[in-house]
């Protein structure tokens, strides 16, 4: 069963690995197993294996 964002999109020529989908723009791909559907990935991005997420919000300074 696929999990996908409620108000999201996946543009053409994008590729995701796994069963959880997130917003992904044109010509982006992910080899990592993305565990969250609330991400927004921009255009022409590549995400390698081994992506990790921190459990809390990281403060912007």
N, C-alpha and C. Protein backbone atom coordinates (compact mmCIF):
# COMPACT_ATOMS: atom_id res chain seq x y z
N UNK A 1 0.84 -1.18 0.00
CA UNK A 1 0.00 0.00 0.00
C UNK A 1 0.88 1.24 0.00
N UNK A 2 0.62 2.16 -0.87
CA UNK A 2 1.40 3.39 -0.97
C UNK A 2 0.84 4.46 -0.03
N UNK A 3 1.74 5.23 0.56
CA UNK A 3 1.36 6.37 1.40
C UNK A 3 1.77 7.61 0.63
N UNK A 4 0.85 8.55 0.45
CA UNK A 4 1.14 9.73 -0.35
C UNK A 4 0.62 10.97 0.35
N UNK A 5 1.21 12.16 0.01
CA UNK A 5 0.78 13.40 0.65
C UNK A 5 -0.65 13.77 0.25
N UNK A 6 -1.37 14.34 1.18
CA UNK A 6 -2.77 14.70 0.94
C UNK A 6 -2.90 15.80 -0.13
N UNK A 7 -2.14 16.86 -0.01
CA UNK A 7 -2.19 17.98 -0.97
C UNK A 7 -0.84 18.11 -1.66
N UNK A 8 -0.41 17.11 -2.35
CA UNK A 8 0.91 17.15 -2.93
C UNK A 8 0.92 16.89 -4.42
N UNK A 9 2.10 16.73 -4.94
CA UNK A 9 2.29 16.49 -6.36
C UNK A 9 3.60 15.76 -6.56
N UNK A 10 3.69 15.06 -7.65
CA UNK A 10 4.95 14.48 -8.11
C UNK A 10 5.02 14.82 -9.58
N UNK A 11 5.98 15.68 -9.94
CA UNK A 11 6.09 16.12 -11.32
C UNK A 11 6.72 15.03 -12.18
N UNK A 12 6.57 15.18 -13.50
CA UNK A 12 7.11 14.20 -14.43
C UNK A 12 8.63 14.11 -14.33
N UNK A 13 9.17 12.97 -14.71
CA UNK A 13 10.60 12.66 -14.68
C UNK A 13 11.16 12.66 -13.26
N UNK A 14 10.33 12.32 -12.28
CA UNK A 14 10.77 12.18 -10.89
C UNK A 14 10.72 10.70 -10.53
N UNK A 15 11.55 10.31 -9.57
CA UNK A 15 11.61 8.91 -9.18
C UNK A 15 11.83 8.79 -7.67
N UNK A 16 11.03 7.96 -7.04
CA UNK A 16 11.15 7.69 -5.60
C UNK A 16 11.36 6.21 -5.38
N UNK A 17 12.10 5.89 -4.32
CA UNK A 17 12.35 4.51 -3.94
C UNK A 17 11.56 4.24 -2.67
N UNK A 18 10.69 3.26 -2.65
CA UNK A 18 9.92 2.94 -1.46
C UNK A 18 8.43 3.10 -1.68
N UNK A 19 7.66 2.97 -0.61
CA UNK A 19 6.20 3.03 -0.71
C UNK A 19 5.61 4.28 -0.09
N UNK A 20 6.44 5.17 0.46
CA UNK A 20 5.96 6.44 0.99
C UNK A 20 6.35 7.54 0.01
N UNK A 21 5.35 8.27 -0.48
CA UNK A 21 5.58 9.31 -1.47
C UNK A 21 5.54 10.69 -0.81
N UNK A 22 6.33 11.61 -1.32
CA UNK A 22 6.32 12.99 -0.85
C UNK A 22 6.30 13.91 -2.08
N UNK A 23 6.12 15.20 -1.86
CA UNK A 23 6.11 16.14 -2.97
C UNK A 23 7.49 16.19 -3.61
N UNK A 24 7.54 15.99 -4.90
CA UNK A 24 8.81 15.95 -5.60
C UNK A 24 8.67 16.67 -6.94
N UNK A 25 9.59 17.58 -7.21
CA UNK A 25 9.52 18.39 -8.43
C UNK A 25 10.28 17.74 -9.58
N UNK A 26 10.22 18.40 -10.71
CA UNK A 26 10.77 17.97 -11.99
C UNK A 26 12.24 17.54 -11.88
N UNK A 27 12.56 16.39 -12.46
CA UNK A 27 13.92 15.85 -12.60
C UNK A 27 14.60 15.56 -11.27
N UNK A 28 13.87 15.26 -10.23
CA UNK A 28 14.45 14.89 -8.94
C UNK A 28 14.28 13.39 -8.73
N UNK A 29 15.20 12.80 -7.96
CA UNK A 29 15.06 11.38 -7.65
C UNK A 29 15.65 11.08 -6.29
N UNK A 30 15.23 9.97 -5.74
CA UNK A 30 15.72 9.53 -4.44
C UNK A 30 16.03 8.05 -4.47
N UNK A 31 17.24 7.69 -4.04
CA UNK A 31 17.61 6.30 -3.84
C UNK A 31 17.41 5.89 -2.39
N UNK A 32 17.16 6.86 -1.52
CA UNK A 32 16.94 6.60 -0.10
C UNK A 32 15.49 6.16 0.13
N UNK A 33 15.29 5.42 1.19
CA UNK A 33 13.93 5.07 1.59
C UNK A 33 13.39 6.21 2.42
N UNK A 34 12.51 7.01 1.85
CA UNK A 34 11.94 8.18 2.53
C UNK A 34 10.83 7.69 3.46
N UNK A 35 10.91 8.09 4.72
CA UNK A 35 9.96 7.58 5.71
C UNK A 35 8.91 8.62 6.10
N UNK A 36 8.87 9.74 5.40
CA UNK A 36 7.92 10.81 5.73
C UNK A 36 7.23 11.30 4.47
N UNK A 37 5.93 11.59 4.57
CA UNK A 37 5.21 12.10 3.41
C UNK A 37 5.06 13.62 3.46
N UNK A 38 5.62 14.28 4.49
CA UNK A 38 5.48 15.73 4.63
C UNK A 38 6.66 16.50 4.05
N UNK A 39 7.54 15.86 3.31
CA UNK A 39 8.70 16.53 2.71
C UNK A 39 8.33 17.18 1.39
N UNK A 40 9.03 18.25 1.05
CA UNK A 40 8.90 18.90 -0.25
C UNK A 40 10.29 18.95 -0.87
N UNK A 41 10.49 18.22 -1.95
CA UNK A 41 11.79 18.14 -2.62
C UNK A 41 11.70 18.98 -3.88
N UNK A 42 12.66 19.88 -4.06
CA UNK A 42 12.65 20.81 -5.17
C UNK A 42 13.06 20.19 -6.49
N UNK A 43 13.29 21.05 -7.48
CA UNK A 43 13.67 20.61 -8.81
C UNK A 43 15.14 20.20 -8.88
N UNK A 44 15.42 19.21 -9.69
CA UNK A 44 16.78 18.75 -9.99
C UNK A 44 17.56 18.37 -8.74
N UNK A 45 16.93 17.67 -7.82
CA UNK A 45 17.57 17.21 -6.59
C UNK A 45 17.83 15.71 -6.68
N UNK A 46 18.92 15.28 -6.06
CA UNK A 46 19.16 13.85 -5.95
C UNK A 46 19.47 13.53 -4.49
N UNK A 47 18.87 12.48 -4.00
CA UNK A 47 19.04 12.07 -2.62
C UNK A 47 19.65 10.67 -2.63
N UNK A 48 20.79 10.52 -1.97
CA UNK A 48 21.53 9.26 -1.98
C UNK A 48 21.03 8.32 -0.89
N UNK A 49 21.50 7.07 -0.96
CA UNK A 49 21.22 6.08 0.09
C UNK A 49 21.71 6.61 1.42
N UNK A 50 21.09 6.20 2.50
CA UNK A 50 21.58 6.51 3.84
C UNK A 50 21.03 7.80 4.43
N UNK A 51 20.02 8.38 3.83
CA UNK A 51 19.42 9.60 4.38
C UNK A 51 18.83 9.30 5.75
N UNK A 52 19.12 10.16 6.73
CA UNK A 52 18.58 10.00 8.08
C UNK A 52 17.83 11.26 8.47
N UNK A 53 16.83 11.11 9.33
CA UNK A 53 16.05 12.24 9.82
C UNK A 53 16.26 12.39 11.31
N UNK A 54 16.37 13.64 11.78
CA UNK A 54 16.42 13.86 13.22
C UNK A 54 15.00 13.84 13.75
N UNK A 55 14.84 13.50 15.01
CA UNK A 55 13.49 13.34 15.58
C UNK A 55 12.85 14.66 16.00
N UNK A 56 13.61 15.72 16.12
CA UNK A 56 13.05 17.00 16.54
C UNK A 56 13.28 18.04 15.45
N UNK A 57 12.65 19.19 15.60
CA UNK A 57 12.85 20.28 14.65
C UNK A 57 14.22 20.90 14.87
N UNK A 58 14.91 21.17 13.81
CA UNK A 58 16.21 21.84 13.89
C UNK A 58 15.97 23.35 13.83
N UNK A 59 16.46 24.08 14.82
CA UNK A 59 16.20 25.52 14.82
C UNK A 59 16.99 26.25 13.73
N UNK A 60 16.36 27.19 13.08
CA UNK A 60 17.04 28.03 12.10
C UNK A 60 17.55 29.27 12.84
N UNK A 61 18.79 29.58 12.65
CA UNK A 61 19.39 30.74 13.34
C UNK A 61 19.62 31.86 12.36
